[in-house]
Amino acid sequence: MRAQAITCAFTGHRPEKLPWGDNEQDPRCQALQERIADAVDQAYLAGFRHFVCGMARGCDTWFAQAVLSLKERWHDVTLEAAIPCADQAHRWRALDRERYEAMLAQCDQRTVLYDHYVPGCMQQRNRYMVDHCDLLLAVHDGVSGGTQSTLTYAFSRRVNVVILPLVVEKADASCYNTPQTDDKENTEL
């Protein structure tokens, strides 16, 4: 057990599971990126200095970008890339690979679990992150998959978890219960 809670890891969905897919210009995507950045800032303010990211496309990318932005403001922030296999980005589109390589170049530490893809390496990466963190930030909408498995494992390990909503719907004013007053009461005030 650690003497201090300083390490924060992240799990979240890839574009294939997001309502907007790869469209990062979608307002819902931009709002999620802001929520992730806010959560990273809050983790820093709570004392977390080391951040671990699985470096997948989608939510992981936005988490890494938020941490890199934090690093520009605070010298004591470190980012660790938890890489399931050395060829993780091998089959990605060129633009995604370039972004991945640029982020990796800015990481303070790289932990590569396997030389090449093997079945189960993504799950092993997720378990590595949970086993080495004190706080897990997650973007999850209840859909089964890697994020759900990571959350289940984190709960079993009693890691503190903060789940960020995938989409925040604006509240409809008509759904609020407002107290009704009669005209007599209003005129007396």
N, C-alpha and C. Protein backbone atom coordinates (compact mmCIF):
# COMPACT_ATOMS: atom_id res chain seq x y z
N MET A 1 0.83 -1.18 0.00
CA MET A 1 0.00 0.00 0.00
C MET A 1 0.89 1.25 0.00
N ARG A 2 0.49 2.24 -0.77
CA ARG A 2 1.27 3.46 -0.86
C ARG A 2 1.00 4.37 0.34
N ALA A 3 2.01 5.16 0.68
CA ALA A 3 1.86 6.11 1.77
C ALA A 3 1.01 7.30 1.33
N GLN A 4 1.06 7.64 0.05
CA GLN A 4 0.35 8.80 -0.48
C GLN A 4 -0.41 8.43 -1.74
N ALA A 5 -1.57 9.03 -1.94
CA ALA A 5 -2.33 8.82 -3.17
C ALA A 5 -1.86 9.84 -4.19
N ILE A 6 -1.01 9.41 -5.12
CA ILE A 6 -0.48 10.37 -6.09
C ILE A 6 -0.68 9.94 -7.55
N THR A 7 -1.08 8.70 -7.80
CA THR A 7 -1.18 8.21 -9.17
C THR A 7 -2.62 8.09 -9.62
N CYS A 8 -2.90 8.67 -10.78
CA CYS A 8 -4.23 8.66 -11.37
C CYS A 8 -4.14 7.99 -12.74
N ALA A 9 -4.99 7.03 -12.99
CA ALA A 9 -5.05 6.36 -14.30
C ALA A 9 -6.40 6.67 -14.95
N PHE A 10 -6.54 6.23 -16.18
CA PHE A 10 -7.73 6.56 -16.95
C PHE A 10 -8.17 5.38 -17.80
N THR A 11 -9.49 5.25 -17.96
CA THR A 11 -10.06 4.29 -18.90
C THR A 11 -11.28 4.93 -19.55
N GLY A 12 -11.51 4.57 -20.79
CA GLY A 12 -12.66 5.14 -21.50
C GLY A 12 -12.83 4.50 -22.86
N HIS A 13 -13.87 4.94 -23.54
CA HIS A 13 -14.26 4.32 -24.81
C HIS A 13 -13.43 4.78 -26.00
N ARG A 14 -13.33 3.90 -26.96
CA ARG A 14 -12.73 4.22 -28.26
C ARG A 14 -13.81 4.82 -29.16
N PRO A 15 -13.42 5.44 -30.27
CA PRO A 15 -14.41 6.09 -31.15
C PRO A 15 -15.55 5.18 -31.59
N GLU A 16 -15.29 3.90 -31.78
CA GLU A 16 -16.31 2.99 -32.26
C GLU A 16 -17.51 2.90 -31.30
N LYS A 17 -17.30 3.23 -30.03
CA LYS A 17 -18.37 3.15 -29.04
C LYS A 17 -18.95 4.52 -28.68
N LEU A 18 -18.48 5.55 -29.36
CA LEU A 18 -18.95 6.90 -29.07
C LEU A 18 -20.05 7.28 -30.06
N PRO A 19 -21.07 8.00 -29.61
CA PRO A 19 -22.19 8.36 -30.50
C PRO A 19 -21.74 9.20 -31.70
N TRP A 20 -20.64 9.92 -31.57
CA TRP A 20 -20.15 10.77 -32.65
C TRP A 20 -19.00 10.15 -33.42
N GLY A 21 -18.60 8.94 -33.07
CA GLY A 21 -17.52 8.25 -33.78
C GLY A 21 -16.22 9.01 -33.71
N ASP A 22 -15.62 9.26 -34.87
CA ASP A 22 -14.34 9.97 -34.95
C ASP A 22 -14.48 11.49 -35.06
N ASN A 23 -15.70 12.00 -35.06
CA ASN A 23 -15.93 13.43 -35.28
C ASN A 23 -15.65 14.24 -34.01
N GLU A 24 -14.43 14.70 -33.87
CA GLU A 24 -14.05 15.47 -32.68
C GLU A 24 -14.60 16.89 -32.71
N GLN A 25 -15.20 17.29 -33.81
CA GLN A 25 -15.82 18.62 -33.89
C GLN A 25 -17.25 18.60 -33.34
N ASP A 26 -17.78 17.43 -33.10
CA ASP A 26 -19.12 17.31 -32.55
C ASP A 26 -19.14 17.99 -31.18
N PRO A 27 -20.14 18.83 -30.92
CA PRO A 27 -20.20 19.54 -29.63
C PRO A 27 -20.20 18.60 -28.42
N ARG A 28 -20.78 17.41 -28.55
CA ARG A 28 -20.78 16.46 -27.43
C ARG A 28 -19.37 15.98 -27.15
N CYS A 29 -18.59 15.79 -28.20
CA CYS A 29 -17.19 15.36 -28.05
C CYS A 29 -16.37 16.46 -27.39
N GLN A 30 -16.58 17.68 -27.85
CA GLN A 30 -15.84 18.80 -27.27
C GLN A 30 -16.20 19.00 -25.80
N ALA A 31 -17.48 18.80 -25.47
CA ALA A 31 -17.91 18.91 -24.08
C ALA A 31 -17.27 17.81 -23.23
N LEU A 32 -17.17 16.60 -23.77
CA LEU A 32 -16.53 15.50 -23.05
C LEU A 32 -15.05 15.81 -22.83
N GLN A 33 -14.39 16.33 -23.85
CA GLN A 33 -12.98 16.69 -23.70
C GLN A 33 -12.80 17.72 -22.58
N GLU A 34 -13.72 18.65 -22.47
CA GLU A 34 -13.66 19.64 -21.39
C GLU A 34 -13.87 18.98 -20.03
N ARG A 35 -14.81 18.02 -19.93
CA ARG A 35 -15.03 17.31 -18.67
C ARG A 35 -13.79 16.51 -18.27
N ILE A 36 -13.14 15.89 -19.25
CA ILE A 36 -11.92 15.14 -18.97
C ILE A 36 -10.83 16.09 -18.47
N ALA A 37 -10.65 17.21 -19.14
CA ALA A 37 -9.64 18.18 -18.73
C ALA A 37 -9.94 18.71 -17.32
N ASP A 38 -11.21 18.98 -17.03
CA ASP A 38 -11.59 19.44 -15.69
C ASP A 38 -11.28 18.37 -14.64
N ALA A 39 -11.56 17.11 -14.96
CA ALA A 39 -11.29 16.01 -14.02
C ALA A 39 -9.79 15.87 -13.76
N VAL A 40 -8.99 16.04 -14.80
CA VAL A 40 -7.53 15.98 -14.64
C VAL A 40 -7.07 17.14 -13.76
N ASP A 41 -7.59 18.34 -13.99
CA ASP A 41 -7.24 19.49 -13.15
C ASP A 41 -7.63 19.24 -11.69
N GLN A 42 -8.83 18.68 -11.47
CA GLN A 42 -9.29 18.39 -10.12
C GLN A 42 -8.40 17.34 -9.45
N ALA A 43 -7.97 16.34 -10.22
CA ALA A 43 -7.06 15.33 -9.66
C ALA A 43 -5.75 15.97 -9.24
N TYR A 44 -5.25 16.87 -10.07
CA TYR A 44 -4.01 17.58 -9.70
C TYR A 44 -4.21 18.36 -8.40
N LEU A 45 -5.30 19.10 -8.32
CA LEU A 45 -5.57 19.89 -7.12
C LEU A 45 -5.73 19.01 -5.88
N ALA A 46 -6.15 17.76 -6.08
CA ALA A 46 -6.29 16.81 -4.97
C ALA A 46 -4.97 16.12 -4.61
N GLY A 47 -3.89 16.44 -5.35
CA GLY A 47 -2.59 15.90 -4.99
C GLY A 47 -2.01 14.88 -5.95
N PHE A 48 -2.73 14.53 -6.99
CA PHE A 48 -2.22 13.53 -7.94
C PHE A 48 -1.21 14.19 -8.88
N ARG A 49 -0.07 13.55 -9.04
CA ARG A 49 1.00 14.12 -9.87
C ARG A 49 1.42 13.20 -11.01
N HIS A 50 1.22 11.90 -10.83
CA HIS A 50 1.60 10.93 -11.86
C HIS A 50 0.32 10.40 -12.50
N PHE A 51 0.27 10.45 -13.82
CA PHE A 51 -0.91 10.04 -14.56
C PHE A 51 -0.53 8.91 -15.51
N VAL A 52 -1.39 7.90 -15.60
CA VAL A 52 -1.13 6.72 -16.43
C VAL A 52 -2.24 6.59 -17.45
N CYS A 53 -1.85 6.45 -18.71
CA CYS A 53 -2.82 6.38 -19.80
C CYS A 53 -2.53 5.18 -20.69
N GLY A 54 -3.59 4.50 -21.12
CA GLY A 54 -3.45 3.33 -21.98
C GLY A 54 -3.20 3.64 -23.45
N MET A 55 -3.27 4.91 -23.82
CA MET A 55 -2.87 5.41 -25.14
C MET A 55 -3.72 4.89 -26.30
N ALA A 56 -4.94 4.47 -26.02
CA ALA A 56 -5.83 4.04 -27.10
C ALA A 56 -6.43 5.27 -27.78
N ARG A 57 -7.06 5.05 -28.92
CA ARG A 57 -7.75 6.14 -29.62
C ARG A 57 -8.98 6.54 -28.82
N GLY A 58 -9.46 7.74 -29.04
CA GLY A 58 -10.69 8.19 -28.39
C GLY A 58 -10.41 8.81 -27.04
N CYS A 59 -11.13 8.35 -26.03
CA CYS A 59 -11.07 8.97 -24.70
C CYS A 59 -9.66 8.96 -24.11
N ASP A 60 -8.89 7.90 -24.32
CA ASP A 60 -7.51 7.86 -23.82
C ASP A 60 -6.70 9.01 -24.40
N THR A 61 -6.89 9.27 -25.68
CA THR A 61 -6.15 10.35 -26.35
C THR A 61 -6.48 11.69 -25.69
N TRP A 62 -7.75 11.93 -25.41
CA TRP A 62 -8.15 13.20 -24.81
C TRP A 62 -7.63 13.33 -23.39
N PHE A 63 -7.58 12.21 -22.68
CA PHE A 63 -7.01 12.21 -21.34
C PHE A 63 -5.53 12.58 -21.42
N ALA A 64 -4.79 11.93 -22.31
CA ALA A 64 -3.36 12.22 -22.46
C ALA A 64 -3.15 13.68 -22.84
N GLN A 65 -3.97 14.20 -23.73
CA GLN A 65 -3.84 15.60 -24.11
C GLN A 65 -4.08 16.52 -22.92
N ALA A 66 -5.06 16.18 -22.08
CA ALA A 66 -5.36 16.99 -20.89
C ALA A 66 -4.17 16.97 -19.93
N VAL A 67 -3.55 15.81 -19.76
CA VAL A 67 -2.39 15.72 -18.87
C VAL A 67 -1.22 16.50 -19.47
N LEU A 68 -1.02 16.40 -20.77
CA LEU A 68 0.07 17.16 -21.40
C LEU A 68 -0.15 18.66 -21.26
N SER A 69 -1.39 19.08 -21.33
CA SER A 69 -1.72 20.49 -21.10
C SER A 69 -1.41 20.88 -19.65
N LEU A 70 -1.74 20.00 -18.72
CA LEU A 70 -1.44 20.23 -17.31
C LEU A 70 0.08 20.34 -17.10
N LYS A 71 0.84 19.49 -17.80
CA LYS A 71 2.31 19.51 -17.69
C LYS A 71 2.89 20.85 -18.13
N GLU A 72 2.21 21.53 -19.05
CA GLU A 72 2.69 22.84 -19.50
C GLU A 72 2.56 23.87 -18.39
N ARG A 73 1.62 23.66 -17.47
CA ARG A 73 1.38 24.60 -16.38
C ARG A 73 2.09 24.24 -15.09
N TRP A 74 2.36 22.94 -14.87
CA TRP A 74 2.94 22.48 -13.61
C TRP A 74 4.11 21.55 -13.88
N HIS A 75 5.26 21.87 -13.33
CA HIS A 75 6.50 21.11 -13.58
C HIS A 75 6.53 19.75 -12.92
N ASP A 76 5.66 19.50 -11.94
CA ASP A 76 5.73 18.24 -11.19
C ASP A 76 4.79 17.15 -11.71
N VAL A 77 4.20 17.36 -12.88
CA VAL A 77 3.28 16.39 -13.48
C VAL A 77 4.06 15.44 -14.37
N THR A 78 3.76 14.14 -14.26
CA THR A 78 4.36 13.15 -15.16
C THR A 78 3.26 12.32 -15.82
N LEU A 79 3.54 11.92 -17.04
CA LEU A 79 2.61 11.08 -17.81
C LEU A 79 3.31 9.79 -18.20
N GLU A 80 2.69 8.69 -17.82
CA GLU A 80 3.19 7.36 -18.18
C GLU A 80 2.27 6.75 -19.23
N ALA A 81 2.87 6.29 -20.32
CA ALA A 81 2.12 5.57 -21.35
C ALA A 81 2.17 4.08 -21.01
N ALA A 82 1.01 3.50 -20.72
CA ALA A 82 0.90 2.07 -20.47
C ALA A 82 0.49 1.43 -21.79
N ILE A 83 1.46 0.84 -22.44
CA ILE A 83 1.29 0.35 -23.81
C ILE A 83 1.12 -1.16 -23.78
N PRO A 84 -0.02 -1.67 -24.28
CA PRO A 84 -0.26 -3.11 -24.21
C PRO A 84 0.71 -3.93 -25.05
N CYS A 85 1.10 -3.37 -26.21
CA CYS A 85 2.03 -4.06 -27.10
C CYS A 85 2.74 -3.00 -27.94
N ALA A 86 3.97 -3.28 -28.30
CA ALA A 86 4.78 -2.31 -29.03
C ALA A 86 4.15 -1.89 -30.35
N ASP A 87 3.35 -2.78 -30.94
CA ASP A 87 2.72 -2.46 -32.22
C ASP A 87 1.27 -1.99 -32.06
N GLN A 88 0.96 -1.38 -30.92
CA GLN A 88 -0.41 -0.95 -30.61
C GLN A 88 -1.03 -0.13 -31.74
N ALA A 89 -0.29 0.81 -32.30
CA ALA A 89 -0.84 1.72 -33.31
C ALA A 89 -0.56 1.27 -34.74
N HIS A 90 -0.02 0.08 -34.89
CA HIS A 90 0.42 -0.41 -36.20
C HIS A 90 -0.67 -0.35 -37.27
N ARG A 91 -1.90 -0.69 -36.94
CA ARG A 91 -2.99 -0.74 -37.93
C ARG A 91 -3.87 0.50 -37.93
N TRP A 92 -3.51 1.50 -37.17
CA TRP A 92 -4.30 2.71 -37.12
C TRP A 92 -4.11 3.54 -38.39
N ARG A 93 -5.04 4.46 -38.62
CA ARG A 93 -4.89 5.40 -39.73
C ARG A 93 -3.65 6.25 -39.49
N ALA A 94 -3.06 6.74 -40.57
CA ALA A 94 -1.81 7.51 -40.48
C ALA A 94 -1.95 8.70 -39.53
N LEU A 95 -3.05 9.42 -39.62
CA LEU A 95 -3.24 10.59 -38.76
C LEU A 95 -3.28 10.19 -37.28
N ASP A 96 -3.94 9.09 -36.97
CA ASP A 96 -4.00 8.61 -35.58
C ASP A 96 -2.62 8.15 -35.10
N ARG A 97 -1.85 7.50 -35.99
CA ARG A 97 -0.50 7.07 -35.61
C ARG A 97 0.40 8.27 -35.34
N GLU A 98 0.29 9.31 -36.16
CA GLU A 98 1.10 10.52 -35.95
C GLU A 98 0.78 11.16 -34.60
N ARG A 99 -0.48 11.26 -34.30
CA ARG A 99 -0.91 11.84 -33.03
C ARG A 99 -0.38 11.00 -31.86
N TYR A 100 -0.48 9.69 -31.98
CA TYR A 100 0.01 8.76 -30.97
C TYR A 100 1.51 8.95 -30.74
N GLU A 101 2.27 8.98 -31.82
CA GLU A 101 3.73 9.13 -31.71
C GLU A 101 4.09 10.48 -31.09
N ALA A 102 3.36 11.53 -31.45
CA ALA A 102 3.63 12.85 -30.88
C ALA A 102 3.37 12.85 -29.37
N MET A 103 2.30 12.19 -28.95
CA MET A 103 2.01 12.11 -27.51
C MET A 103 3.05 11.25 -26.79
N LEU A 104 3.43 10.12 -27.41
CA LEU A 104 4.44 9.26 -26.79
C LEU A 104 5.75 10.01 -26.57
N ALA A 105 6.10 10.86 -27.51
CA ALA A 105 7.35 11.63 -27.41
C ALA A 105 7.33 12.56 -26.19
N GLN A 106 6.15 12.92 -25.73
CA GLN A 106 6.03 13.84 -24.59
C GLN A 106 5.82 13.11 -23.26
N CYS A 107 5.68 11.80 -23.31
CA CYS A 107 5.49 11.03 -22.08
C CYS A 107 6.80 10.94 -21.30
N ASP A 108 6.70 10.91 -19.99
CA ASP A 108 7.88 10.80 -19.14
C ASP A 108 8.32 9.36 -18.96
N GLN A 109 7.40 8.44 -19.19
CA GLN A 109 7.70 7.02 -18.99
C GLN A 109 6.84 6.20 -19.95
N ARG A 110 7.42 5.14 -20.46
CA ARG A 110 6.68 4.19 -21.30
C ARG A 110 6.81 2.81 -20.68
N THR A 111 5.67 2.19 -20.45
CA THR A 111 5.66 0.82 -19.96
C THR A 111 5.01 -0.03 -21.04
N VAL A 112 5.82 -0.86 -21.70
CA VAL A 112 5.34 -1.72 -22.79
C VAL A 112 5.25 -3.13 -22.23
N LEU A 113 4.03 -3.70 -22.27
CA LEU A 113 3.83 -5.01 -21.66
C LEU A 113 4.23 -6.17 -22.57
N TYR A 114 4.04 -6.04 -23.88
CA TYR A 114 4.39 -7.11 -24.82
C TYR A 114 5.06 -6.52 -26.05
N ASP A 115 5.96 -7.29 -26.66
CA ASP A 115 6.64 -6.85 -27.88
C ASP A 115 5.69 -6.72 -29.07
N HIS A 116 4.68 -7.59 -29.11
CA HIS A 116 3.71 -7.57 -30.20
C HIS A 116 2.34 -7.98 -29.64
N TYR A 117 1.32 -7.78 -30.43
CA TYR A 117 -0.03 -8.09 -29.97
C TYR A 117 -0.17 -9.57 -29.64
N VAL A 118 -0.75 -9.84 -28.49
CA VAL A 118 -1.15 -11.20 -28.11
C VAL A 118 -2.54 -11.08 -27.49
N PRO A 119 -3.37 -12.11 -27.64
CA PRO A 119 -4.70 -12.05 -27.02
C PRO A 119 -4.58 -11.77 -25.52
N GLY A 120 -5.39 -10.85 -25.06
CA GLY A 120 -5.39 -10.49 -23.64
C GLY A 120 -4.46 -9.36 -23.26
N CYS A 121 -3.65 -8.86 -24.20
CA CYS A 121 -2.68 -7.82 -23.83
C CYS A 121 -3.37 -6.51 -23.43
N MET A 122 -4.51 -6.21 -24.04
CA MET A 122 -5.24 -4.98 -23.67
C MET A 122 -5.75 -5.09 -22.23
N GLN A 123 -6.29 -6.26 -21.88
CA GLN A 123 -6.76 -6.47 -20.52
C GLN A 123 -5.60 -6.41 -19.53
N GLN A 124 -4.45 -6.96 -19.90
CA GLN A 124 -3.29 -6.90 -19.01
C GLN A 124 -2.84 -5.46 -18.81
N ARG A 125 -2.89 -4.65 -19.87
CA ARG A 125 -2.57 -3.23 -19.75
C ARG A 125 -3.52 -2.55 -18.78
N ASN A 126 -4.82 -2.85 -18.91
CA ASN A 126 -5.82 -2.25 -18.03
C ASN A 126 -5.58 -2.63 -16.56
N ARG A 127 -5.26 -3.89 -16.34
CA ARG A 127 -4.99 -4.34 -14.98
C ARG A 127 -3.72 -3.69 -14.43
N TYR A 128 -2.72 -3.54 -15.29
CA TYR A 128 -1.49 -2.85 -14.87
C TYR A 128 -1.83 -1.44 -14.37
N MET A 129 -2.66 -0.72 -15.13
CA MET A 129 -3.01 0.64 -14.75
C MET A 129 -3.74 0.66 -13.40
N VAL A 130 -4.71 -0.22 -13.23
CA VAL A 130 -5.46 -0.28 -11.97
C VAL A 130 -4.53 -0.65 -10.82
N ASP A 131 -3.65 -1.60 -11.04
CA ASP A 131 -2.74 -2.05 -9.98
C ASP A 131 -1.74 -0.97 -9.56
N HIS A 132 -1.55 0.03 -10.42
CA HIS A 132 -0.56 1.06 -10.13
C HIS A 132 -1.19 2.44 -9.91
N CYS A 133 -2.47 2.49 -9.62
CA CYS A 133 -3.09 3.80 -9.41
C CYS A 133 -3.84 3.85 -8.09
N ASP A 134 -4.07 5.08 -7.66
CA ASP A 134 -4.84 5.35 -6.45
C ASP A 134 -6.21 5.92 -6.81
N LEU A 135 -6.34 6.41 -8.03
CA LEU A 135 -7.58 6.97 -8.54
C LEU A 135 -7.72 6.57 -10.00
N LEU A 136 -8.89 6.12 -10.38
CA LEU A 136 -9.18 5.79 -11.77
C LEU A 136 -10.28 6.70 -12.26
N LEU A 137 -9.96 7.51 -13.26
CA LEU A 137 -10.97 8.31 -13.95
C LEU A 137 -11.48 7.47 -15.10
N ALA A 138 -12.79 7.50 -15.35
CA ALA A 138 -13.36 6.67 -16.41
C ALA A 138 -14.46 7.42 -17.14
N VAL A 139 -14.52 7.20 -18.44
CA VAL A 139 -15.67 7.62 -19.24
C VAL A 139 -16.38 6.33 -19.60
N HIS A 140 -17.60 6.19 -19.09
CA HIS A 140 -18.31 4.94 -19.28
C HIS A 140 -19.80 5.19 -19.35
N ASP A 141 -20.46 4.50 -20.28
CA ASP A 141 -21.91 4.68 -20.45
C ASP A 141 -22.68 3.40 -20.15
N GLY A 142 -22.05 2.44 -19.49
CA GLY A 142 -22.72 1.21 -19.11
C GLY A 142 -22.59 0.07 -20.11
N VAL A 143 -21.98 0.33 -21.26
CA VAL A 143 -21.82 -0.69 -22.29
C VAL A 143 -20.70 -1.65 -21.87
N SER A 144 -20.91 -2.94 -22.09
CA SER A 144 -19.88 -3.91 -21.73
C SER A 144 -18.69 -3.78 -22.68
N GLY A 145 -17.54 -4.21 -22.19
CA GLY A 145 -16.31 -4.13 -22.97
C GLY A 145 -15.13 -3.88 -22.06
N GLY A 146 -14.06 -3.38 -22.65
CA GLY A 146 -12.83 -3.17 -21.89
C GLY A 146 -12.96 -2.17 -20.76
N THR A 147 -13.69 -1.09 -20.99
CA THR A 147 -13.87 -0.09 -19.94
C THR A 147 -14.65 -0.69 -18.77
N GLN A 148 -15.72 -1.41 -19.07
CA GLN A 148 -16.51 -2.07 -18.02
C GLN A 148 -15.65 -3.06 -17.24
N SER A 149 -14.86 -3.85 -17.94
CA SER A 149 -13.99 -4.83 -17.27
C SER A 149 -12.98 -4.14 -16.37
N THR A 150 -12.44 -3.02 -16.84
CA THR A 150 -11.46 -2.27 -16.05
C THR A 150 -12.12 -1.72 -14.79
N LEU A 151 -13.34 -1.19 -14.92
CA LEU A 151 -14.05 -0.68 -13.75
C LEU A 151 -14.34 -1.80 -12.75
N THR A 152 -14.79 -2.94 -13.24
CA THR A 152 -15.07 -4.07 -12.36
C THR A 152 -13.82 -4.47 -11.60
N TYR A 153 -12.69 -4.53 -12.30
CA TYR A 153 -11.43 -4.88 -11.65
C TYR A 153 -11.04 -3.81 -10.62
N ALA A 154 -11.20 -2.54 -10.97
CA ALA A 154 -10.87 -1.45 -10.04
C ALA A 154 -11.72 -1.53 -8.78
N PHE A 155 -13.02 -1.81 -8.94
CA PHE A 155 -13.89 -1.93 -7.77
C PHE A 155 -13.44 -3.10 -6.90
N SER A 156 -13.04 -4.21 -7.52
CA SER A 156 -12.61 -5.38 -6.75
C SER A 156 -11.31 -5.10 -5.99
N ARG A 157 -10.50 -4.18 -6.51
CA ARG A 157 -9.23 -3.80 -5.87
C ARG A 157 -9.40 -2.61 -4.92
N ARG A 158 -10.65 -2.13 -4.81
CA ARG A 158 -10.98 -1.00 -3.93
C ARG A 158 -10.23 0.28 -4.29
N VAL A 159 -10.04 0.48 -5.59
CA VAL A 159 -9.44 1.72 -6.09
C VAL A 159 -10.54 2.77 -6.16
N ASN A 160 -10.21 3.99 -5.80
CA ASN A 160 -11.17 5.09 -5.94
C ASN A 160 -11.45 5.31 -7.41
N VAL A 161 -12.72 5.45 -7.76
CA VAL A 161 -13.14 5.59 -9.15
C VAL A 161 -14.04 6.82 -9.29
N VAL A 162 -13.80 7.60 -10.34
CA VAL A 162 -14.69 8.70 -10.71
C VAL A 162 -15.14 8.43 -12.14
N ILE A 163 -16.44 8.27 -12.32
CA ILE A 163 -16.99 8.00 -13.66
C ILE A 163 -17.54 9.30 -14.23
N LEU A 164 -16.99 9.69 -15.37
CA LEU A 164 -17.45 10.88 -16.07
C LEU A 164 -18.52 10.46 -17.07
N PRO A 165 -19.61 11.20 -17.14
CA PRO A 165 -20.66 10.84 -18.10
C PRO A 165 -20.18 11.06 -19.53
N LEU A 166 -20.61 10.17 -20.40
CA LEU A 166 -20.26 10.29 -21.81
C LEU A 166 -20.89 11.54 -22.41
N VAL A 167 -22.16 11.73 -22.13
CA VAL A 167 -22.90 12.89 -22.63
C VAL A 167 -23.71 13.45 -21.48
N VAL A 168 -23.71 14.76 -21.34
CA VAL A 168 -24.53 15.42 -20.34
C VAL A 168 -25.64 16.15 -21.08
N GLU A 169 -26.84 15.69 -20.83
CA GLU A 169 -27.99 16.32 -21.47
C GLU A 169 -28.37 17.56 -20.68
N LYS A 170 -28.74 18.60 -21.40
CA LYS A 170 -29.21 19.81 -20.72
C LYS A 170 -30.59 19.53 -20.14
N ALA A 171 -30.78 20.01 -18.94
CA ALA A 171 -32.06 19.80 -18.26
C ALA A 171 -33.14 20.64 -18.94
N ASP A 172 -34.28 20.04 -19.11
CA ASP A 172 -35.44 20.73 -19.67
C ASP A 172 -36.13 21.46 -18.53
N ALA A 173 -36.32 22.77 -18.68
CA ALA A 173 -36.92 23.57 -17.62
C ALA A 173 -38.30 23.05 -17.22
N SER A 174 -39.01 22.44 -18.15
CA SER A 174 -40.35 21.96 -17.84
C SER A 174 -40.35 20.76 -16.89
N CYS A 175 -39.21 20.14 -16.69
CA CYS A 175 -39.17 18.97 -15.81
C CYS A 175 -38.97 19.36 -14.36
N TYR A 176 -38.71 20.62 -14.08
CA TYR A 176 -38.54 21.05 -12.69
C TYR A 176 -39.88 21.28 -12.03
N ASN A 177 -39.98 20.90 -10.80
CA ASN A 177 -41.19 21.19 -10.02
C ASN A 177 -41.00 22.55 -9.39
N THR A 178 -41.83 23.49 -9.77
CA THR A 178 -41.74 24.82 -9.18
C THR A 178 -42.93 25.01 -8.27
N PRO A 179 -42.70 25.62 -7.13
CA PRO A 179 -43.83 25.82 -6.21
C PRO A 179 -44.86 26.76 -6.84
N GLN A 180 -46.10 26.41 -6.67
CA GLN A 180 -47.20 27.24 -7.19
C GLN A 180 -47.64 28.19 -6.09
N THR A 181 -47.82 29.43 -6.45
CA THR A 181 -48.32 30.41 -5.50
C THR A 181 -49.56 31.04 -6.08
N ASP A 182 -50.44 31.46 -5.20
CA ASP A 182 -51.63 32.12 -5.74
C ASP A 182 -51.36 33.62 -5.82
N ASP A 183 -52.18 34.31 -6.56
CA ASP A 183 -51.98 35.74 -6.82
C ASP A 183 -52.02 36.55 -5.52
N LYS A 184 -52.85 36.13 -4.57
CA LYS A 184 -52.96 36.87 -3.32
C LYS A 184 -51.60 36.90 -2.62
N GLU A 185 -50.92 35.74 -2.56
CA GLU A 185 -49.62 35.68 -1.91
C GLU A 185 -48.62 36.58 -2.63
N ASN A 186 -48.64 36.59 -3.95
CA ASN A 186 -47.71 37.39 -4.72
C ASN A 186 -47.92 38.88 -4.49
N THR A 187 -49.16 39.30 -4.34
CA THR A 187 -49.42 40.73 -4.17
C THR A 187 -49.05 41.20 -2.77
N GLU A 188 -49.07 40.28 -1.81
CA GLU A 188 -48.75 40.68 -0.44
C GLU A 188 -47.26 40.83 -0.23
N LEU A 189 -46.45 40.27 -1.08
CA LEU A 189 -45.00 40.35 -0.89
C LEU A 189 -44.52 41.65 -1.32
